[in-house]
Amino acid sequence: MTVHSMDQGKRWNDMLQASKILSEQQVITPLYQAKTPAMISPKVKGLIMNTAGVSNNWKYTYISE
């Protein structure tokens, strides 16, 4: 727990120190993680959602009744 939460200058220094500790101890830093939310009707069948390359393969996609 920090005792410098009300002093902006000291709080900033605490944050810099914490950042330094994290950068020294962590192995991998994720720079960006892309996500695309999608709402798909249960009637849509055969849609292939790829994890790499082209995001969706619509070749075998159809709408069921």
PDB file of N, CA and C in Angstrom:
ATOM      1  N   MET A   1       0.842  -1.176   0.000  1.00  0.00           N
ATOM      2  CA  MET A   1       0.000   0.000   0.000  1.00  0.00           C
ATOM      3  C   MET A   1       0.890   1.244   0.000  1.00  0.00           C
ATOM      4  N   THR A   2       0.523   2.192  -0.800  1.00  0.00           N
ATOM      5  CA  THR A   2       1.324   3.412  -0.893  1.00  0.00           C
ATOM      6  C   THR A   2       0.873   4.448   0.134  1.00  0.00           C
ATOM      7  N   VAL A   3       1.818   5.238   0.581  1.00  0.00           N
ATOM      8  CA  VAL A   3       1.500   6.340   1.495  1.00  0.00           C
ATOM      9  C   VAL A   3       1.582   7.670   0.756  1.00  0.00           C
ATOM     10  N   HIS A   4       1.869   7.607  -0.548  1.00  0.00           N
ATOM     11  CA  HIS A   4       2.055   8.817  -1.348  1.00  0.00           C
ATOM     12  C   HIS A   4       0.883   9.090  -2.295  1.00  0.00           C
ATOM     13  N   SER A   5      -0.280   8.524  -2.021  1.00  0.00           N
ATOM     14  CA  SER A   5      -1.384   8.638  -2.967  1.00  0.00           C
ATOM     15  C   SER A   5      -1.909  10.068  -3.114  1.00  0.00           C
ATOM     16  N   MET A   6      -1.702  10.912  -2.151  1.00  0.00           N
ATOM     17  CA  MET A   6      -2.205  12.287  -2.226  1.00  0.00           C
ATOM     18  C   MET A   6      -1.158  13.281  -2.731  1.00  0.00           C
ATOM     19  N   ASP A   7       0.071  12.864  -2.850  1.00  0.00           N
ATOM     20  CA  ASP A   7       1.151  13.735  -3.343  1.00  0.00           C
ATOM     21  C   ASP A   7       1.496  13.294  -4.764  1.00  0.00           C
ATOM     22  N   GLN A   8       1.126  14.121  -5.757  1.00  0.00           N
ATOM     23  CA  GLN A   8       1.289  13.737  -7.161  1.00  0.00           C
ATOM     24  C   GLN A   8       2.743  13.432  -7.534  1.00  0.00           C
ATOM     25  N   GLY A   9       3.662  14.211  -7.070  1.00  0.00           N
ATOM     26  CA  GLY A   9       5.080  14.005  -7.397  1.00  0.00           C
ATOM     27  C   GLY A   9       5.600  12.687  -6.843  1.00  0.00           C
ATOM     28  N   LYS A  10       5.299  12.422  -5.582  1.00  0.00           N
ATOM     29  CA  LYS A  10       5.742  11.167  -4.956  1.00  0.00           C
ATOM     30  C   LYS A  10       5.010   9.974  -5.562  1.00  0.00           C
ATOM     31  N   ARG A  11       3.729  10.157  -5.866  1.00  0.00           N
ATOM     32  CA  ARG A  11       2.951   9.080  -6.483  1.00  0.00           C
ATOM     33  C   ARG A  11       3.538   8.734  -7.850  1.00  0.00           C
ATOM     34  N   TRP A  12       3.897   9.746  -8.627  1.00  0.00           N
ATOM     35  CA  TRP A  12       4.502   9.525  -9.945  1.00  0.00           C
ATOM     36  C   TRP A  12       5.807   8.742  -9.798  1.00  0.00           C
ATOM     37  N   ASN A  13       6.637   9.103  -8.842  1.00  0.00           N
ATOM     38  CA  ASN A  13       7.887   8.384  -8.606  1.00  0.00           C
ATOM     39  C   ASN A  13       7.627   6.930  -8.207  1.00  0.00           C
ATOM     40  N   ASP A  14       6.597   6.692  -7.389  1.00  0.00           N
ATOM     41  CA  ASP A  14       6.227   5.321  -7.029  1.00  0.00           C
ATOM     42  C   ASP A  14       5.806   4.534  -8.268  1.00  0.00           C
ATOM     43  N   MET A  15       5.058   5.184  -9.158  1.00  0.00           N
ATOM     44  CA  MET A  15       4.622   4.514 -10.387  1.00  0.00           C
ATOM     45  C   MET A  15       5.807   4.202 -11.296  1.00  0.00           C
ATOM     46  N   LEU A  16       6.763   5.117 -11.384  1.00  0.00           N
ATOM     47  CA  LEU A  16       7.962   4.869 -12.189  1.00  0.00           C
ATOM     48  C   LEU A  16       8.771   3.701 -11.616  1.00  0.00           C
ATOM     49  N   GLN A  17       8.876   3.647 -10.307  1.00  0.00           N
ATOM     50  CA  GLN A  17       9.596   2.557  -9.654  1.00  0.00           C
ATOM     51  C   GLN A  17       8.882   1.224  -9.909  1.00  0.00           C
ATOM     52  N   ALA A  18       7.558   1.216  -9.816  1.00  0.00           N
ATOM     53  CA  ALA A  18       6.790  -0.003 -10.085  1.00  0.00           C
ATOM     54  C   ALA A  18       6.957  -0.441 -11.534  1.00  0.00           C
ATOM     55  N   SER A  19       6.949   0.511 -12.463  1.00  0.00           N
ATOM     56  CA  SER A  19       7.146   0.205 -13.880  1.00  0.00           C
ATOM     57  C   SER A  19       8.519  -0.402 -14.126  1.00  0.00           C
ATOM     58  N   LYS A  20       9.517   0.133 -13.467  1.00  0.00           N
ATOM     59  CA  LYS A  20      10.881  -0.387 -13.605  1.00  0.00           C
ATOM     60  C   LYS A  20      10.961  -1.827 -13.109  1.00  0.00           C
ATOM     61  N   ILE A  21      10.347  -2.106 -11.965  1.00  0.00           N
ATOM     62  CA  ILE A  21      10.343  -3.465 -11.404  1.00  0.00           C
ATOM     63  C   ILE A  21       9.652  -4.421 -12.364  1.00  0.00           C
ATOM     64  N   LEU A  22       8.498  -4.015 -12.902  1.00  0.00           N
ATOM     65  CA  LEU A  22       7.773  -4.872 -13.840  1.00  0.00           C
ATOM     66  C   LEU A  22       8.580  -5.152 -15.102  1.00  0.00           C
ATOM     67  N   SER A  23       9.214  -4.127 -15.661  1.00  0.00           N
ATOM     68  CA  SER A  23       9.967  -4.318 -16.903  1.00  0.00           C
ATOM     69  C   SER A  23      11.201  -5.191 -16.691  1.00  0.00           C
ATOM     70  N   GLU A  24      11.749  -5.206 -15.484  1.00  0.00           N
ATOM     71  CA  GLU A  24      12.903  -6.060 -15.194  1.00  0.00           C
ATOM     72  C   GLU A  24      12.492  -7.509 -14.959  1.00  0.00           C
ATOM     73  N   GLN A  25      11.299  -7.744 -14.437  1.00  0.00           N
ATOM     74  CA  GLN A  25      10.911  -9.080 -14.012  1.00  0.00           C
ATOM     75  C   GLN A  25      10.012  -9.838 -14.979  1.00  0.00           C
ATOM     76  N   GLN A  26       9.311  -9.144 -15.849  1.00  0.00           N
ATOM     77  CA  GLN A  26       8.418  -9.873 -16.745  1.00  0.00           C
ATOM     78  C   GLN A  26       9.162 -10.368 -17.974  1.00  0.00           C
ATOM     79  N   VAL A  27       8.693 -11.476 -18.514  1.00  0.00           N
ATOM     80  CA  VAL A  27       9.363 -12.120 -19.640  1.00  0.00           C
ATOM     81  C   VAL A  27       8.882 -11.558 -20.972  1.00  0.00           C
ATOM     82  N   ILE A  28       7.564 -11.430 -21.138  1.00  0.00           N
ATOM     83  CA  ILE A  28       6.982 -10.988 -22.405  1.00  0.00           C
ATOM     84  C   ILE A  28       6.018  -9.837 -22.137  1.00  0.00           C
ATOM     85  N   THR A  29       6.061  -8.832 -22.988  1.00  0.00           N
ATOM     86  CA  THR A  29       5.129  -7.720 -22.900  1.00  0.00           C
ATOM     87  C   THR A  29       4.243  -7.722 -24.135  1.00  0.00           C
ATOM     88  N   PRO A  30       2.947  -8.014 -23.992  1.00  0.00           N
ATOM     89  CA  PRO A  30       2.067  -7.943 -25.158  1.00  0.00           C
ATOM     90  C   PRO A  30       1.882  -6.484 -25.570  1.00  0.00           C
ATOM     91  N   LEU A  31       2.143  -6.186 -26.833  1.00  0.00           N
ATOM     92  CA  LEU A  31       2.020  -4.811 -27.310  1.00  0.00           C
ATOM     93  C   LEU A  31       0.604  -4.494 -27.760  1.00  0.00           C
ATOM     94  N   TYR A  32      -0.060  -5.493 -28.338  1.00  0.00           N
ATOM     95  CA  TYR A  32      -1.398  -5.254 -28.862  1.00  0.00           C
ATOM     96  C   TYR A  32      -2.115  -6.580 -28.984  1.00  0.00           C
ATOM     97  N   GLN A  33      -3.367  -6.615 -28.614  1.00  0.00           N
ATOM     98  CA  GLN A  33      -4.173  -7.809 -28.772  1.00  0.00           C
ATOM     99  C   GLN A  33      -5.466  -7.391 -29.449  1.00  0.00           C
ATOM    100  N   ALA A  34      -5.632  -7.829 -30.671  1.00  0.00           N
ATOM    101  CA  ALA A  34      -6.804  -7.430 -31.440  1.00  0.00           C
ATOM    102  C   ALA A  34      -7.983  -8.356 -31.144  1.00  0.00           C
ATOM    103  N   LYS A  35      -9.119  -7.768 -30.979  1.00  0.00           N
ATOM    104  CA  LYS A  35     -10.354  -8.523 -30.816  1.00  0.00           C
ATOM    105  C   LYS A  35     -11.428  -7.849 -31.629  1.00  0.00           C
ATOM    106  N   THR A  36     -12.264  -8.642 -32.256  1.00  0.00           N
ATOM    107  CA  THR A  36     -13.375  -8.113 -33.023  1.00  0.00           C
ATOM    108  C   THR A  36     -14.645  -8.801 -32.547  1.00  0.00           C
ATOM    109  N   PRO A  37     -15.489  -8.102 -31.816  1.00  0.00           N
ATOM    110  CA  PRO A  37     -16.722  -8.729 -31.362  1.00  0.00           C
ATOM    111  C   PRO A  37     -17.665  -8.968 -32.538  1.00  0.00           C
ATOM    112  N   ALA A  38     -18.403 -10.051 -32.490  1.00  0.00           N
ATOM    113  CA  ALA A  38     -19.340 -10.357 -33.570  1.00  0.00           C
ATOM    114  C   ALA A  38     -20.578 -11.010 -32.987  1.00  0.00           C
ATOM    115  N   MET A  39     -21.732 -10.549 -33.446  1.00  0.00           N
ATOM    116  CA  MET A  39     -22.990 -11.195 -33.083  1.00  0.00           C
ATOM    117  C   MET A  39     -23.438 -11.973 -34.303  1.00  0.00           C
ATOM    118  N   ILE A  40     -23.561 -13.283 -34.140  1.00  0.00           N
ATOM    119  CA  ILE A  40     -23.912 -14.135 -35.271  1.00  0.00           C
ATOM    120  C   ILE A  40     -25.180 -14.898 -34.915  1.00  0.00           C
ATOM    121  N   SER A  41     -26.145 -14.834 -35.789  1.00  0.00           N
ATOM    122  CA  SER A  41     -27.406 -15.532 -35.576  1.00  0.00           C
ATOM    123  C   SER A  41     -27.172 -17.039 -35.525  1.00  0.00           C
ATOM    124  N   PRO A  42     -27.914 -17.741 -34.681  1.00  0.00           N
ATOM    125  CA  PRO A  42     -27.798 -19.203 -34.634  1.00  0.00           C
ATOM    126  C   PRO A  42     -28.193 -19.862 -35.956  1.00  0.00           C
ATOM    127  N   LYS A  43     -28.874 -19.108 -36.820  1.00  0.00           N
ATOM    128  CA  LYS A  43     -29.267 -19.655 -38.125  1.00  0.00           C
ATOM    129  C   LYS A  43     -28.100 -19.694 -39.107  1.00  0.00           C
ATOM    130  N   VAL A  44     -27.038 -18.957 -38.843  1.00  0.00           N
ATOM    131  CA  VAL A  44     -25.868 -18.947 -39.719  1.00  0.00           C
ATOM    132  C   VAL A  44     -25.061 -20.214 -39.462  1.00  0.00           C
ATOM    133  N   LYS A  45     -24.860 -21.002 -40.491  1.00  0.00           N
ATOM    134  CA  LYS A  45     -24.151 -22.273 -40.373  1.00  0.00           C
ATOM    135  C   LYS A  45     -22.966 -22.296 -41.332  1.00  0.00           C
ATOM    136  N   GLY A  46     -21.933 -23.038 -40.976  1.00  0.00           N
ATOM    137  CA  GLY A  46     -20.791 -23.263 -41.859  1.00  0.00           C
ATOM    138  C   GLY A  46     -19.768 -22.136 -41.913  1.00  0.00           C
ATOM    139  N   LEU A  47     -19.947 -21.090 -41.131  1.00  0.00           N
ATOM    140  CA  LEU A  47     -18.998 -19.976 -41.131  1.00  0.00           C
ATOM    141  C   LEU A  47     -17.720 -20.401 -40.414  1.00  0.00           C
ATOM    142  N   ILE A  48     -16.591 -20.243 -41.071  1.00  0.00           N
ATOM    143  CA  ILE A  48     -15.302 -20.582 -40.478  1.00  0.00           C
ATOM    144  C   ILE A  48     -14.642 -19.286 -40.041  1.00  0.00           C
ATOM    145  N   MET A  49     -14.384 -19.185 -38.727  1.00  0.00           N
ATOM    146  CA  MET A  49     -13.738 -17.994 -38.176  1.00  0.00           C
ATOM    147  C   MET A  49     -12.286 -18.344 -37.876  1.00  0.00           C
ATOM    148  N   ASN A  50     -11.376 -17.828 -38.693  1.00  0.00           N
ATOM    149  CA  ASN A  50      -9.954 -18.135 -38.563  1.00  0.00           C
ATOM    150  C   ASN A  50      -9.298 -17.300 -37.469  1.00  0.00           C
ATOM    151  N   THR A  51      -8.251 -17.856 -36.876  1.00  0.00           N
ATOM    152  CA  THR A  51      -7.506 -17.109 -35.862  1.00  0.00           C
ATOM    153  C   THR A  51      -6.329 -16.360 -36.466  1.00  0.00           C
ATOM    154  N   ALA A  52      -5.976 -16.682 -37.694  1.00  0.00           N
ATOM    155  CA  ALA A  52      -4.865 -16.005 -38.367  1.00  0.00           C
ATOM    156  C   ALA A  52      -5.216 -15.846 -39.844  1.00  0.00           C
ATOM    157  N   GLY A  53      -4.615 -14.855 -40.471  1.00  0.00           N
ATOM    158  CA  GLY A  53      -4.876 -14.620 -41.902  1.00  0.00           C
ATOM    159  C   GLY A  53      -6.220 -13.951 -42.093  1.00  0.00           C
ATOM    160  N   VAL A  54      -6.941 -14.374 -43.125  1.00  0.00           N
ATOM    161  CA  VAL A  54      -8.269 -13.827 -43.401  1.00  0.00           C
ATOM    162  C   VAL A  54      -9.181 -14.198 -42.239  1.00  0.00           C
ATOM    163  N   SER A  55      -9.898 -13.213 -41.697  1.00  0.00           N
ATOM    164  CA  SER A  55     -10.652 -13.460 -40.468  1.00  0.00           C
ATOM    165  C   SER A  55     -11.805 -14.434 -40.631  1.00  0.00           C
ATOM    166  N   ASN A  56     -12.551 -14.355 -41.718  1.00  0.00           N
ATOM    167  CA  ASN A  56     -13.697 -15.242 -41.920  1.00  0.00           C
ATOM    168  C   ASN A  56     -13.639 -15.892 -43.288  1.00  0.00           C
ATOM    169  N   ASN A  57     -14.043 -17.170 -43.332  1.00  0.00           N
ATOM    170  CA  ASN A  57     -14.156 -17.885 -44.593  1.00  0.00           C
ATOM    171  C   ASN A  57     -15.647 -18.105 -44.831  1.00  0.00           C
ATOM    172  N   TRP A  58     -16.176 -17.414 -45.831  1.00  0.00           N
ATOM    173  CA  TRP A  58     -17.610 -17.445 -46.101  1.00  0.00           C
ATOM    174  C   TRP A  58     -17.984 -18.494 -47.152  1.00  0.00           C
ATOM    175  N   LYS A  59     -17.032 -19.238 -47.655  1.00  0.00           N
ATOM    176  CA  LYS A  59     -17.247 -20.169 -48.771  1.00  0.00           C
ATOM    177  C   LYS A  59     -18.370 -21.177 -48.484  1.00  0.00           C
ATOM    178  N   TYR A  60     -18.400 -21.729 -47.278  1.00  0.00           N
ATOM    179  CA  TYR A  60     -19.380 -22.776 -46.955  1.00  0.00           C
ATOM    180  C   TYR A  60     -20.502 -22.267 -46.059  1.00  0.00           C
ATOM    181  N   THR A  61     -20.656 -20.961 -45.961  1.00  0.00           N
ATOM    182  CA  THR A  61     -21.644 -20.365 -45.076  1.00  0.00           C
ATOM    183  C   THR A  61     -23.028 -20.381 -45.724  1.00  0.00           C
ATOM    184  N   TYR A  62     -24.028 -20.722 -44.912  1.00  0.00           N
ATOM    185  CA  TYR A  62     -25.411 -20.701 -45.383  1.00  0.00           C
ATOM    186  C   TYR A  62     -26.333 -20.351 -44.216  1.00  0.00           C
ATOM    187  N   ILE A  63     -27.570 -20.017 -44.536  1.00  0.00           N
ATOM    188  CA  ILE A  63     -28.567 -19.674 -43.527  1.00  0.00           C
ATOM    189  C   ILE A  63     -29.556 -20.835 -43.424  1.00  0.00           C
ATOM    190  N   SER A  64     -29.702 -21.376 -42.226  1.00  0.00           N
ATOM    191  CA  SER A  64     -30.661 -22.475 -42.034  1.00  0.00           C
ATOM    192  C   SER A  64     -32.013 -21.906 -41.665  1.00  0.00           C
ATOM    193  N   GLU A  65     -33.016 -22.702 -41.777  1.00  0.00           N
ATOM    194  CA  GLU A  65     -34.386 -22.277 -41.461  1.00  0.00           C
ATOM    195  C   GLU A  65     -34.764 -22.670 -40.067  1.00  0.00           C
TER     196      GLU A  65
END
